[in-house]
């Protein structure tokens, strides 16, 4: 989790916004485009079989190219894969005080 926070800070360059996103991204002051991407990522993570053409259309309407959509799907899918590998092998968090 800590390394994700560092990456987010490096990309956003706004500690207040990073804190707001970490607290609750749905109420954080982020752009509609980023909100659309995160809504899609959550749906793909939690209910992948329910992704429809309408979800892809929504990303396109929000300004994402087909290449962008491919990148979003690959990143979300990779994290799901990596987390399942770690969970399946019983790998512990670096900081036991942090909950996933």
Protein backbone atom coordinates (compact mmCIF):
# COMPACT_ATOMS: atom_id res chain seq x y z
CA UNK A 1 0.00 0.00 0.00
CA UNK A 2 2.82 2.41 0.82
CA UNK A 3 4.41 2.01 -2.61
CA UNK A 4 1.03 2.76 -4.24
CA UNK A 5 0.78 5.97 -2.22
CA UNK A 6 4.25 7.05 -3.33
CA UNK A 7 3.37 6.43 -6.96
CA UNK A 8 0.12 8.34 -6.63
CA UNK A 9 1.91 11.29 -5.03
CA UNK A 10 4.52 11.25 -7.79
CA UNK A 11 1.83 11.29 -10.49
CA UNK A 12 -0.60 13.75 -8.92
CA UNK A 13 1.90 16.04 -7.15
CA UNK A 14 -0.80 17.17 -4.73
CA UNK A 15 -0.69 15.66 -1.23
CA UNK A 16 -4.13 17.02 -0.32
CA UNK A 17 -5.72 15.37 -3.36
CA UNK A 18 -3.87 12.11 -2.70
CA UNK A 19 -5.21 12.11 0.87
CA UNK A 20 -8.75 12.78 -0.41
CA UNK A 21 -8.47 9.91 -2.92
CA UNK A 22 -7.12 7.56 -0.25
CA UNK A 23 -9.91 8.56 2.12
CA UNK A 24 -12.72 8.09 -0.42
CA UNK A 25 -12.10 8.47 -4.13
CA UNK A 26 -15.85 8.82 -4.78
CA UNK A 27 -15.97 12.11 -2.86
CA UNK A 28 -12.49 13.33 -3.83
CA UNK A 29 -12.33 16.35 -6.14
CA UNK A 30 -11.26 14.45 -9.27
CA UNK A 31 -12.26 14.99 -12.87
CA UNK A 32 -15.29 13.29 -14.43
CA UNK A 33 -12.85 11.43 -16.71
CA UNK A 34 -10.95 9.96 -13.75
CA UNK A 35 -14.23 9.17 -11.99
CA UNK A 36 -15.41 7.25 -15.06
CA UNK A 37 -12.15 5.30 -15.15
CA UNK A 38 -12.33 4.43 -11.46
CA UNK A 39 -15.99 3.40 -11.68
CA UNK A 40 -15.05 1.09 -14.55
CA UNK A 41 -12.06 -0.29 -12.62
CA UNK A 42 -14.22 -1.06 -9.59
CA UNK A 43 -16.82 -2.81 -11.76
CA UNK A 44 -14.16 -4.82 -13.59
CA UNK A 45 -12.63 -5.81 -10.25
CA UNK A 46 -15.84 -6.71 -8.42
CA UNK A 47 -18.14 -7.98 -11.19
CA UNK A 48 -16.11 -8.60 -14.36
CA UNK A 49 -18.84 -10.68 -16.01
CA UNK A 50 -21.14 -7.66 -15.90
CA UNK A 51 -18.94 -5.45 -18.10
CA UNK A 52 -20.95 -4.53 -21.20
CA UNK A 53 -20.54 -2.52 -24.37
CA UNK A 54 -22.17 0.36 -22.50
CA UNK A 55 -19.26 0.42 -20.04
CA UNK A 56 -16.77 0.67 -22.89
CA UNK A 57 -18.91 3.34 -24.57
CA UNK A 58 -18.94 5.33 -21.32
CA UNK A 59 -15.14 5.30 -21.25
CA UNK A 60 -14.98 6.46 -24.87
CA UNK A 61 -17.51 9.20 -24.15
CA UNK A 62 -15.35 10.28 -21.20
CA UNK A 63 -12.41 10.80 -23.55
CA UNK A 64 -10.52 7.53 -23.43
CA UNK A 65 -9.12 6.04 -26.61
CA UNK A 66 -9.30 2.34 -27.35
CA UNK A 67 -5.60 2.13 -26.41
CA UNK A 68 -6.36 3.86 -23.10
CA UNK A 69 -9.16 1.38 -22.43
CA UNK A 70 -6.83 -1.52 -23.15
CA UNK A 71 -4.30 -0.06 -20.71
CA UNK A 72 -6.98 0.38 -18.01
CA UNK A 73 -8.17 -3.22 -18.44
CA UNK A 74 -4.61 -4.57 -18.39
CA UNK A 75 -3.64 -2.68 -15.23
CA UNK A 76 -6.82 -3.62 -13.36
CA UNK A 77 -6.47 -7.24 -14.46
CA UNK A 78 -2.80 -7.40 -13.52
CA UNK A 79 -3.49 -6.16 -10.00
CA UNK A 80 -6.29 -8.70 -9.59
CA UNK A 81 -3.93 -11.45 -10.80
CA UNK A 82 -1.01 -10.38 -8.61
CA UNK A 83 -3.20 -10.06 -5.52
CA UNK A 84 -4.69 -13.52 -6.05
CA UNK A 85 -1.23 -15.02 -6.43
CA UNK A 86 -0.09 -13.34 -3.20
CA UNK A 87 -3.26 -14.39 -1.37
CA UNK A 88 -3.02 -17.94 -2.71
CA UNK A 89 0.55 -18.27 -1.50
CA UNK A 90 -0.21 -16.71 1.87
CA UNK A 91 2.17 -13.81 1.33
CA UNK A 92 1.92 -11.36 4.21
CA UNK A 93 1.81 -7.58 3.96
CA UNK A 94 5.08 -5.72 4.51
CA UNK A 95 3.42 -3.76 7.32
CA UNK A 96 1.13 -5.98 9.40
CA UNK A 97 -0.63 -2.85 10.75
CA UNK A 98 -2.01 -2.03 7.29
CA UNK A 99 -5.23 -3.73 6.24
CA UNK A 100 -5.76 -4.54 2.54
